[in-house]
mmCIF file of all heavy atoms, coordinates in Angstrom:
data_MODEL
# 
_entry.id   MODEL 
# 
loop_
_atom_site.group_PDB 
_atom_site.id 
_atom_site.type_symbol 
_atom_site.label_atom_id 
_atom_site.label_alt_id 
_atom_site.label_comp_id 
_atom_site.label_asym_id 
_atom_site.label_entity_id 
_atom_site.label_seq_id 
_atom_site.pdbx_PDB_ins_code 
_atom_site.Cartn_x 
_atom_site.Cartn_y 
_atom_site.Cartn_z 
_atom_site.occupancy 
_atom_site.B_iso_or_equiv 
_atom_site.pdbx_formal_charge 
_atom_site.auth_seq_id 
_atom_site.auth_comp_id 
_atom_site.auth_asym_id 
_atom_site.auth_atom_id 
_atom_site.pdbx_PDB_model_num 
ATOM 1   N N   . SER A 1 1  ? 90.324 91.915  108.347 1.00 0.00 ? 1  SER A N   1 
ATOM 2   C CA  . SER A 1 1  ? 91.502 91.487  108.921 1.00 0.00 ? 1  SER A CA  1 
ATOM 3   C C   . SER A 1 1  ? 91.748 92.311  110.233 1.00 0.00 ? 1  SER A C   1 
ATOM 4   O O   . SER A 1 1  ? 92.597 91.884  111.062 1.00 0.00 ? 1  SER A O   1 
ATOM 5   C CB  . SER A 1 1  ? 92.620 91.814  107.957 1.00 0.00 ? 1  SER A CB  1 
ATOM 6   O OG  . SER A 1 1  ? 92.827 93.161  107.754 1.00 0.00 ? 1  SER A OG  1 
ATOM 7   N N   . THR A 1 2  ? 90.985 93.340  110.427 1.00 0.00 ? 2  THR A N   1 
ATOM 8   C CA  . THR A 1 2  ? 91.071 94.117  111.744 1.00 0.00 ? 2  THR A CA  1 
ATOM 9   C C   . THR A 1 2  ? 90.556 93.181  112.840 1.00 0.00 ? 2  THR A C   1 
ATOM 10  O O   . THR A 1 2  ? 89.673 92.351  112.645 1.00 0.00 ? 2  THR A O   1 
ATOM 11  C CB  . THR A 1 2  ? 90.158 95.364  111.615 1.00 0.00 ? 2  THR A CB  1 
ATOM 12  O OG1 . THR A 1 2  ? 90.593 96.147  110.586 1.00 0.00 ? 2  THR A OG1 1 
ATOM 13  C CG2 . THR A 1 2  ? 90.210 96.099  112.897 1.00 0.00 ? 2  THR A CG2 1 
ATOM 14  N N   . ASN A 1 3  ? 91.058 93.323  114.007 1.00 0.00 ? 3  ASN A N   1 
ATOM 15  C CA  . ASN A 1 3  ? 90.757 92.429  115.081 1.00 0.00 ? 3  ASN A CA  1 
ATOM 16  C C   . ASN A 1 3  ? 89.258 92.481  115.442 1.00 0.00 ? 3  ASN A C   1 
ATOM 17  O O   . ASN A 1 3  ? 88.610 91.373  115.472 1.00 0.00 ? 3  ASN A O   1 
ATOM 18  C CB  . ASN A 1 3  ? 91.592 92.734  116.294 1.00 0.00 ? 3  ASN A CB  1 
ATOM 19  C CG  . ASN A 1 3  ? 91.316 91.811  117.476 1.00 0.00 ? 3  ASN A CG  1 
ATOM 20  O OD1 . ASN A 1 3  ? 91.182 90.648  117.248 1.00 0.00 ? 3  ASN A OD1 1 
ATOM 21  N ND2 . ASN A 1 3  ? 91.294 92.343  118.683 1.00 0.00 ? 3  ASN A ND2 1 
ATOM 22  N N   . LEU A 1 4  ? 88.743 93.657  115.733 1.00 0.00 ? 4  LEU A N   1 
ATOM 23  C CA  . LEU A 1 4  ? 87.400 93.728  116.235 1.00 0.00 ? 4  LEU A CA  1 
ATOM 24  C C   . LEU A 1 4  ? 86.420 94.244  115.262 1.00 0.00 ? 4  LEU A C   1 
ATOM 25  O O   . LEU A 1 4  ? 86.696 95.201  114.652 1.00 0.00 ? 4  LEU A O   1 
ATOM 26  C CB  . LEU A 1 4  ? 87.379 94.660  117.511 1.00 0.00 ? 4  LEU A CB  1 
ATOM 27  C CG  . LEU A 1 4  ? 86.333 94.476  118.604 1.00 0.00 ? 4  LEU A CG  1 
ATOM 28  C CD1 . LEU A 1 4  ? 86.427 93.093  119.079 1.00 0.00 ? 4  LEU A CD1 1 
ATOM 29  C CD2 . LEU A 1 4  ? 86.573 95.556  119.700 1.00 0.00 ? 4  LEU A CD2 1 
ATOM 30  N N   . MET A 1 5  ? 85.400 93.416  115.030 1.00 0.00 ? 5  MET A N   1 
ATOM 31  C CA  . MET A 1 5  ? 84.330 93.893  114.150 1.00 0.00 ? 5  MET A CA  1 
ATOM 32  C C   . MET A 1 5  ? 82.916 94.063  114.982 1.00 0.00 ? 5  MET A C   1 
ATOM 33  O O   . MET A 1 5  ? 82.864 93.441  116.011 1.00 0.00 ? 5  MET A O   1 
ATOM 34  C CB  . MET A 1 5  ? 83.990 92.888  113.030 1.00 0.00 ? 5  MET A CB  1 
ATOM 35  C CG  . MET A 1 5  ? 85.161 92.722  112.033 1.00 0.00 ? 5  MET A CG  1 
ATOM 36  S SD  . MET A 1 5  ? 85.254 94.212  111.025 1.00 0.00 ? 5  MET A SD  1 
ATOM 37  C CE  . MET A 1 5  ? 83.673 94.203  110.124 1.00 0.00 ? 5  MET A CE  1 
ATOM 38  N N   . GLY A 1 6  ? 82.067 94.870  114.529 1.00 0.00 ? 6  GLY A N   1 
ATOM 39  C CA  . GLY A 1 6  ? 80.874 95.080  115.192 1.00 0.00 ? 6  GLY A CA  1 
ATOM 40  C C   . GLY A 1 6  ? 79.712 95.405  114.369 1.00 0.00 ? 6  GLY A C   1 
ATOM 41  O O   . GLY A 1 6  ? 79.809 95.759  113.212 1.00 0.00 ? 6  GLY A O   1 
ATOM 42  N N   . TRP A 1 7  ? 78.507 95.290  115.002 1.00 0.00 ? 7  TRP A N   1 
ATOM 43  C CA  . TRP A 1 7  ? 77.264 95.750  114.444 1.00 0.00 ? 7  TRP A CA  1 
ATOM 44  C C   . TRP A 1 7  ? 76.763 96.952  115.224 1.00 0.00 ? 7  TRP A C   1 
ATOM 45  O O   . TRP A 1 7  ? 76.793 96.957  116.464 1.00 0.00 ? 7  TRP A O   1 
ATOM 46  C CB  . TRP A 1 7  ? 76.171 94.659  114.486 1.00 0.00 ? 7  TRP A CB  1 
ATOM 47  C CG  . TRP A 1 7  ? 76.282 93.622  113.416 1.00 0.00 ? 7  TRP A CG  1 
ATOM 48  C CD1 . TRP A 1 7  ? 76.946 92.436  113.428 1.00 0.00 ? 7  TRP A CD1 1 
ATOM 49  C CD2 . TRP A 1 7  ? 75.841 93.747  112.064 1.00 0.00 ? 7  TRP A CD2 1 
ATOM 50  N NE1 . TRP A 1 7  ? 76.818 91.762  112.223 1.00 0.00 ? 7  TRP A NE1 1 
ATOM 51  C CE2 . TRP A 1 7  ? 76.212 92.551  111.390 1.00 0.00 ? 7  TRP A CE2 1 
ATOM 52  C CE3 . TRP A 1 7  ? 75.116 94.741  111.361 1.00 0.00 ? 7  TRP A CE3 1 
ATOM 53  C CZ2 . TRP A 1 7  ? 75.841 92.316  110.046 1.00 0.00 ? 7  TRP A CZ2 1 
ATOM 54  C CZ3 . TRP A 1 7  ? 74.665 94.479  110.065 1.00 0.00 ? 7  TRP A CZ3 1 
ATOM 55  C CH2 . TRP A 1 7  ? 75.087 93.305  109.398 1.00 0.00 ? 7  TRP A CH2 1 
ATOM 56  N N   . TYR A 1 8  ? 76.438 97.945  114.444 1.00 0.00 ? 8  TYR A N   1 
ATOM 57  C CA  . TYR A 1 8  ? 75.905 99.220  115.022 1.00 0.00 ? 8  TYR A CA  1 
ATOM 58  C C   . TYR A 1 8  ? 74.442 99.376  114.541 1.00 0.00 ? 8  TYR A C   1 
ATOM 59  O O   . TYR A 1 8  ? 74.035 98.731  113.560 1.00 0.00 ? 8  TYR A O   1 
ATOM 60  C CB  . TYR A 1 8  ? 76.688 100.422 114.496 1.00 0.00 ? 8  TYR A CB  1 
ATOM 61  C CG  . TYR A 1 8  ? 78.135 100.417 114.810 1.00 0.00 ? 8  TYR A CG  1 
ATOM 62  C CD1 . TYR A 1 8  ? 79.016 99.587  114.180 1.00 0.00 ? 8  TYR A CD1 1 
ATOM 63  C CD2 . TYR A 1 8  ? 78.720 101.333 115.804 1.00 0.00 ? 8  TYR A CD2 1 
ATOM 64  C CE1 . TYR A 1 8  ? 80.402 99.574  114.460 1.00 0.00 ? 8  TYR A CE1 1 
ATOM 65  C CE2 . TYR A 1 8  ? 80.019 101.321 116.096 1.00 0.00 ? 8  TYR A CE2 1 
ATOM 66  C CZ  . TYR A 1 8  ? 80.898 100.504 115.429 1.00 0.00 ? 8  TYR A CZ  1 
ATOM 67  O OH  . TYR A 1 8  ? 82.242 100.559 115.678 1.00 0.00 ? 8  TYR A OH  1 
ATOM 68  N N   . ARG A 1 9  ? 73.806 100.222 115.199 1.00 0.00 ? 9  ARG A N   1 
ATOM 69  C CA  . ARG A 1 9  ? 72.372 100.633 114.702 1.00 0.00 ? 9  ARG A CA  1 
ATOM 70  C C   . ARG A 1 9  ? 72.096 102.013 115.001 1.00 0.00 ? 9  ARG A C   1 
ATOM 71  O O   . ARG A 1 9  ? 72.627 102.593 115.938 1.00 0.00 ? 9  ARG A O   1 
ATOM 72  C CB  . ARG A 1 9  ? 71.305 99.688  115.388 1.00 0.00 ? 9  ARG A CB  1 
ATOM 73  C CG  . ARG A 1 9  ? 71.064 99.911  116.897 1.00 0.00 ? 9  ARG A CG  1 
ATOM 74  C CD  . ARG A 1 9  ? 70.071 98.868  117.371 1.00 0.00 ? 9  ARG A CD  1 
ATOM 75  N NE  . ARG A 1 9  ? 69.821 99.025  118.818 1.00 0.00 ? 9  ARG A NE  1 
ATOM 76  C CZ  . ARG A 1 9  ? 69.076 98.189  119.524 1.00 0.00 ? 9  ARG A CZ  1 
ATOM 77  N NH1 . ARG A 1 9  ? 68.491 97.065  118.943 1.00 0.00 ? 9  ARG A NH1 1 
ATOM 78  N NH2 . ARG A 1 9  ? 68.833 98.407  120.816 1.00 0.00 ? 9  ARG A NH2 1 
ATOM 79  N N   . GLN A 1 10 ? 71.230 102.610 114.162 1.00 0.00 ? 10 GLN A N   1 
ATOM 80  C CA  . GLN A 1 10 ? 70.806 103.985 114.418 1.00 0.00 ? 10 GLN A CA  1 
ATOM 81  C C   . GLN A 1 10 ? 69.326 104.040 114.183 1.00 0.00 ? 10 GLN A C   1 
ATOM 82  O O   . GLN A 1 10 ? 68.786 103.782 113.034 1.00 0.00 ? 10 GLN A O   1 
ATOM 83  C CB  . GLN A 1 10 ? 71.524 104.857 113.404 1.00 0.00 ? 10 GLN A CB  1 
ATOM 84  C CG  . GLN A 1 10 ? 71.212 106.348 113.690 1.00 0.00 ? 10 GLN A CG  1 
ATOM 85  C CD  . GLN A 1 10 ? 72.169 107.302 112.946 1.00 0.00 ? 10 GLN A CD  1 
ATOM 86  O OE1 . GLN A 1 10 ? 72.818 106.929 111.954 1.00 0.00 ? 10 GLN A OE1 1 
ATOM 87  N NE2 . GLN A 1 10 ? 72.294 108.552 113.389 1.00 0.00 ? 10 GLN A NE2 1 
ATOM 88  N N   . ALA A 1 11 ? 68.633 104.416 115.268 1.00 0.00 ? 11 ALA A N   1 
ATOM 89  C CA  . ALA A 1 11 ? 67.102 104.551 115.214 1.00 0.00 ? 11 ALA A CA  1 
ATOM 90  C C   . ALA A 1 11 ? 66.891 106.061 114.871 1.00 0.00 ? 11 ALA A C   1 
ATOM 91  O O   . ALA A 1 11 ? 67.704 106.928 115.055 1.00 0.00 ? 11 ALA A O   1 
ATOM 92  C CB  . ALA A 1 11 ? 66.570 104.263 116.515 1.00 0.00 ? 11 ALA A CB  1 
ATOM 93  N N   . PRO A 1 12 ? 65.713 106.287 114.302 1.00 0.00 ? 12 PRO A N   1 
ATOM 94  C CA  . PRO A 1 12 ? 65.350 107.726 113.903 1.00 0.00 ? 12 PRO A CA  1 
ATOM 95  C C   . PRO A 1 12 ? 65.503 108.658 115.107 1.00 0.00 ? 12 PRO A C   1 
ATOM 96  O O   . PRO A 1 12 ? 64.981 108.420 116.175 1.00 0.00 ? 12 PRO A O   1 
ATOM 97  C CB  . PRO A 1 12 ? 63.844 107.609 113.519 1.00 0.00 ? 12 PRO A CB  1 
ATOM 98  C CG  . PRO A 1 12 ? 63.784 106.166 113.064 1.00 0.00 ? 12 PRO A CG  1 
ATOM 99  C CD  . PRO A 1 12 ? 64.654 105.387 114.004 1.00 0.00 ? 12 PRO A CD  1 
ATOM 100 N N   . GLY A 1 13 ? 66.182 109.751 114.883 1.00 0.00 ? 13 GLY A N   1 
ATOM 101 C CA  . GLY A 1 13 ? 66.366 110.777 115.882 1.00 0.00 ? 13 GLY A CA  1 
ATOM 102 C C   . GLY A 1 13 ? 67.366 110.431 116.974 1.00 0.00 ? 13 GLY A C   1 
ATOM 103 O O   . GLY A 1 13 ? 67.488 111.183 117.942 1.00 0.00 ? 13 GLY A O   1 
ATOM 104 N N   . LYS A 1 14 ? 68.051 109.288 116.828 1.00 0.00 ? 14 LYS A N   1 
ATOM 105 C CA  . LYS A 1 14 ? 68.981 108.892 117.868 1.00 0.00 ? 14 LYS A CA  1 
ATOM 106 C C   . LYS A 1 14 ? 70.436 108.721 117.289 1.00 0.00 ? 14 LYS A C   1 
ATOM 107 O O   . LYS A 1 14 ? 70.582 108.552 116.070 1.00 0.00 ? 14 LYS A O   1 
ATOM 108 C CB  . LYS A 1 14 ? 68.550 107.565 118.553 1.00 0.00 ? 14 LYS A CB  1 
ATOM 109 C CG  . LYS A 1 14 ? 67.331 107.689 119.336 1.00 0.00 ? 14 LYS A CG  1 
ATOM 110 C CD  . LYS A 1 14 ? 67.003 106.356 119.988 1.00 0.00 ? 14 LYS A CD  1 
ATOM 111 C CE  . LYS A 1 14 ? 65.744 106.430 120.848 1.00 0.00 ? 14 LYS A CE  1 
ATOM 112 N NZ  . LYS A 1 14 ? 65.425 105.206 121.578 1.00 0.00 ? 14 LYS A NZ  1 
ATOM 113 N N   . GLN A 1 15 ? 71.375 108.744 118.132 1.00 0.00 ? 15 GLN A N   1 
ATOM 114 C CA  . GLN A 1 15 ? 72.730 108.523 117.729 1.00 0.00 ? 15 GLN A CA  1 
ATOM 115 C C   . GLN A 1 15 ? 73.025 107.068 117.399 1.00 0.00 ? 15 GLN A C   1 
ATOM 116 O O   . GLN A 1 15 ? 72.363 106.177 117.942 1.00 0.00 ? 15 GLN A O   1 
ATOM 117 C CB  . GLN A 1 15 ? 73.773 108.997 118.863 1.00 0.00 ? 15 GLN A CB  1 
ATOM 118 C CG  . GLN A 1 15 ? 73.830 110.459 118.935 1.00 0.00 ? 15 GLN A CG  1 
ATOM 119 C CD  . GLN A 1 15 ? 75.059 110.905 119.892 1.00 0.00 ? 15 GLN A CD  1 
ATOM 120 O OE1 . GLN A 1 15 ? 75.380 110.220 120.732 1.00 0.00 ? 15 GLN A OE1 1 
ATOM 121 N NE2 . GLN A 1 15 ? 75.507 112.153 119.637 1.00 0.00 ? 15 GLN A NE2 1 
ATOM 122 N N   . ARG A 1 16 ? 73.924 106.816 116.514 1.00 0.00 ? 16 ARG A N   1 
ATOM 123 C CA  . ARG A 1 16 ? 74.344 105.456 116.204 1.00 0.00 ? 16 ARG A CA  1 
ATOM 124 C C   . ARG A 1 16 ? 74.966 104.800 117.435 1.00 0.00 ? 16 ARG A C   1 
ATOM 125 O O   . ARG A 1 16 ? 75.770 105.443 118.160 1.00 0.00 ? 16 ARG A O   1 
ATOM 126 C CB  . ARG A 1 16 ? 75.350 105.458 115.051 1.00 0.00 ? 16 ARG A CB  1 
ATOM 127 C CG  . ARG A 1 16 ? 75.606 104.141 114.515 1.00 0.00 ? 16 ARG A CG  1 
ATOM 128 C CD  . ARG A 1 16 ? 76.552 104.282 113.196 1.00 0.00 ? 16 ARG A CD  1 
ATOM 129 N NE  . ARG A 1 16 ? 75.757 104.911 112.148 1.00 0.00 ? 16 ARG A NE  1 
ATOM 130 C CZ  . ARG A 1 16 ? 76.333 105.482 111.069 1.00 0.00 ? 16 ARG A CZ  1 
ATOM 131 N NH1 . ARG A 1 16 ? 77.643 105.556 110.996 1.00 0.00 ? 16 ARG A NH1 1 
ATOM 132 N NH2 . ARG A 1 16 ? 75.556 105.996 110.081 1.00 0.00 ? 16 ARG A NH2 1 
ATOM 133 N N   . GLU A 1 17 ? 74.604 103.537 117.719 1.00 0.00 ? 17 GLU A N   1 
ATOM 134 C CA  . GLU A 1 17 ? 75.054 102.832 118.910 1.00 0.00 ? 17 GLU A CA  1 
ATOM 135 C C   . GLU A 1 17 ? 75.670 101.491 118.472 1.00 0.00 ? 17 GLU A C   1 
ATOM 136 O O   . GLU A 1 17 ? 75.225 100.824 117.546 1.00 0.00 ? 17 GLU A O   1 
ATOM 137 C CB  . GLU A 1 17 ? 73.999 102.731 119.896 1.00 0.00 ? 17 GLU A CB  1 
ATOM 138 C CG  . GLU A 1 17 ? 72.820 101.859 119.471 1.00 0.00 ? 17 GLU A CG  1 
ATOM 139 C CD  . GLU A 1 17 ? 71.864 101.471 120.617 1.00 0.00 ? 17 GLU A CD  1 
ATOM 140 O OE1 . GLU A 1 17 ? 72.271 101.563 121.834 1.00 0.00 ? 17 GLU A OE1 1 
ATOM 141 O OE2 . GLU A 1 17 ? 70.726 101.136 120.308 1.00 0.00 ? 17 GLU A OE2 1 
ATOM 142 N N   . LEU A 1 18 ? 76.587 101.075 119.230 1.00 0.00 ? 18 LEU A N   1 
ATOM 143 C CA  . LEU A 1 18 ? 77.254 99.816  118.994 1.00 0.00 ? 18 LEU A CA  1 
ATOM 144 C C   . LEU A 1 18 ? 76.473 98.739  119.819 1.00 0.00 ? 18 LEU A C   1 
ATOM 145 O O   . LEU A 1 18 ? 76.268 98.844  120.950 1.00 0.00 ? 18 LEU A O   1 
ATOM 146 C CB  . LEU A 1 18 ? 78.681 99.783  119.461 1.00 0.00 ? 18 LEU A CB  1 
ATOM 147 C CG  . LEU A 1 18 ? 79.517 98.592  119.360 1.00 0.00 ? 18 LEU A CG  1 
ATOM 148 C CD1 . LEU A 1 18 ? 79.682 98.190  117.901 1.00 0.00 ? 18 LEU A CD1 1 
ATOM 149 C CD2 . LEU A 1 18 ? 80.893 98.746  120.036 1.00 0.00 ? 18 LEU A CD2 1 
ATOM 150 N N   . VAL A 1 19 ? 76.058 97.674  119.098 1.00 0.00 ? 19 VAL A N   1 
ATOM 151 C CA  . VAL A 1 19 ? 75.189 96.658  119.772 1.00 0.00 ? 19 VAL A CA  1 
ATOM 152 C C   . VAL A 1 19 ? 75.953 95.307  120.053 1.00 0.00 ? 19 VAL A C   1 
ATOM 153 O O   . VAL A 1 19 ? 75.568 94.627  120.975 1.00 0.00 ? 19 VAL A O   1 
ATOM 154 C CB  . VAL A 1 19 ? 73.865 96.433  119.045 1.00 0.00 ? 19 VAL A CB  1 
ATOM 155 C CG1 . VAL A 1 19 ? 73.088 97.645  119.014 1.00 0.00 ? 19 VAL A CG1 1 
ATOM 156 C CG2 . VAL A 1 19 ? 74.140 95.929  117.600 1.00 0.00 ? 19 VAL A CG2 1 
ATOM 157 N N   . ALA A 1 20 ? 76.889 95.010  119.225 1.00 0.00 ? 20 ALA A N   1 
ATOM 158 C CA  . ALA A 1 20 ? 77.627 93.776  119.441 1.00 0.00 ? 20 ALA A CA  1 
ATOM 159 C C   . ALA A 1 20 ? 78.975 93.803  118.787 1.00 0.00 ? 20 ALA A C   1 
ATOM 160 O O   . ALA A 1 20 ? 79.119 94.416  117.764 1.00 0.00 ? 20 ALA A O   1 
ATOM 161 C CB  . ALA A 1 20 ? 76.796 92.538  118.880 1.00 0.00 ? 20 ALA A CB  1 
ATOM 162 N N   . THR A 1 21 ? 79.900 93.107  119.364 1.00 0.00 ? 21 THR A N   1 
ATOM 163 C CA  . THR A 1 21 ? 81.286 93.051  118.884 1.00 0.00 ? 21 THR A CA  1 
ATOM 164 C C   . THR A 1 21 ? 81.786 91.648  118.816 1.00 0.00 ? 21 THR A C   1 
ATOM 165 O O   . THR A 1 21 ? 81.336 90.778  119.614 1.00 0.00 ? 21 THR A O   1 
ATOM 166 C CB  . THR A 1 21 ? 82.239 93.889  119.660 1.00 0.00 ? 21 THR A CB  1 
ATOM 167 O OG1 . THR A 1 21 ? 82.326 93.352  120.945 1.00 0.00 ? 21 THR A OG1 1 
ATOM 168 C CG2 . THR A 1 21 ? 81.814 95.334  119.717 1.00 0.00 ? 21 THR A CG2 1 
ATOM 169 N N   . ILE A 1 22 ? 82.732 91.385  117.886 1.00 0.00 ? 22 ILE A N   1 
ATOM 170 C CA  . ILE A 1 22 ? 83.368 90.004  117.893 1.00 0.00 ? 22 ILE A CA  1 
ATOM 171 C C   . ILE A 1 22 ? 84.856 90.226  117.484 1.00 0.00 ? 22 ILE A C   1 
ATOM 172 O O   . ILE A 1 22 ? 85.188 90.963  116.605 1.00 0.00 ? 22 ILE A O   1 
ATOM 173 C CB  . ILE A 1 22 ? 82.611 89.071  116.891 1.00 0.00 ? 22 ILE A CB  1 
ATOM 174 C CG1 . ILE A 1 22 ? 83.265 87.705  116.989 1.00 0.00 ? 22 ILE A CG1 1 
ATOM 175 C CG2 . ILE A 1 22 ? 82.568 89.621  115.506 1.00 0.00 ? 22 ILE A CG2 1 
ATOM 176 C CD1 . ILE A 1 22 ? 82.389 86.620  116.365 1.00 0.00 ? 22 ILE A CD1 1 
ATOM 177 N N   . SER A 1 23 ? 85.682 89.569  118.186 1.00 0.00 ? 23 SER A N   1 
ATOM 178 C CA  . SER A 1 23 ? 87.078 89.639  117.895 1.00 0.00 ? 23 SER A CA  1 
ATOM 179 C C   . SER A 1 23 ? 87.493 88.643  116.851 1.00 0.00 ? 23 SER A C   1 
ATOM 180 O O   . SER A 1 23 ? 86.727 87.760  116.433 1.00 0.00 ? 23 SER A O   1 
ATOM 181 C CB  . SER A 1 23 ? 87.947 89.313  119.209 1.00 0.00 ? 23 SER A CB  1 
ATOM 182 O OG  . SER A 1 23 ? 87.858 87.835  119.470 1.00 0.00 ? 23 SER A OG  1 
ATOM 183 N N   . LYS A 1 24 ? 88.690 88.719  116.303 1.00 0.00 ? 24 LYS A N   1 
ATOM 184 C CA  . LYS A 1 24 ? 89.149 87.807  115.285 1.00 0.00 ? 24 LYS A CA  1 
ATOM 185 C C   . LYS A 1 24 ? 89.085 86.405  115.745 1.00 0.00 ? 24 LYS A C   1 
ATOM 186 O O   . LYS A 1 24 ? 88.918 85.441  114.942 1.00 0.00 ? 24 LYS A O   1 
ATOM 187 C CB  . LYS A 1 24 ? 90.437 88.221  114.745 1.00 0.00 ? 24 LYS A CB  1 
ATOM 188 C CG  . LYS A 1 24 ? 90.796 87.666  113.457 1.00 0.00 ? 24 LYS A CG  1 
ATOM 189 C CD  . LYS A 1 24 ? 92.128 88.304  112.893 1.00 0.00 ? 24 LYS A CD  1 
ATOM 190 C CE  . LYS A 1 24 ? 92.419 87.852  111.488 1.00 0.00 ? 24 LYS A CE  1 
ATOM 191 N NZ  . LYS A 1 24 ? 93.588 88.509  110.985 1.00 0.00 ? 24 LYS A NZ  1 
# 
């Protein structure tokens, strides 16, 4: 129900990053 949803990814040894977002 939150407006913005996203997919994140985390590669070994790296920080989690946001790769894609979609609004409601």
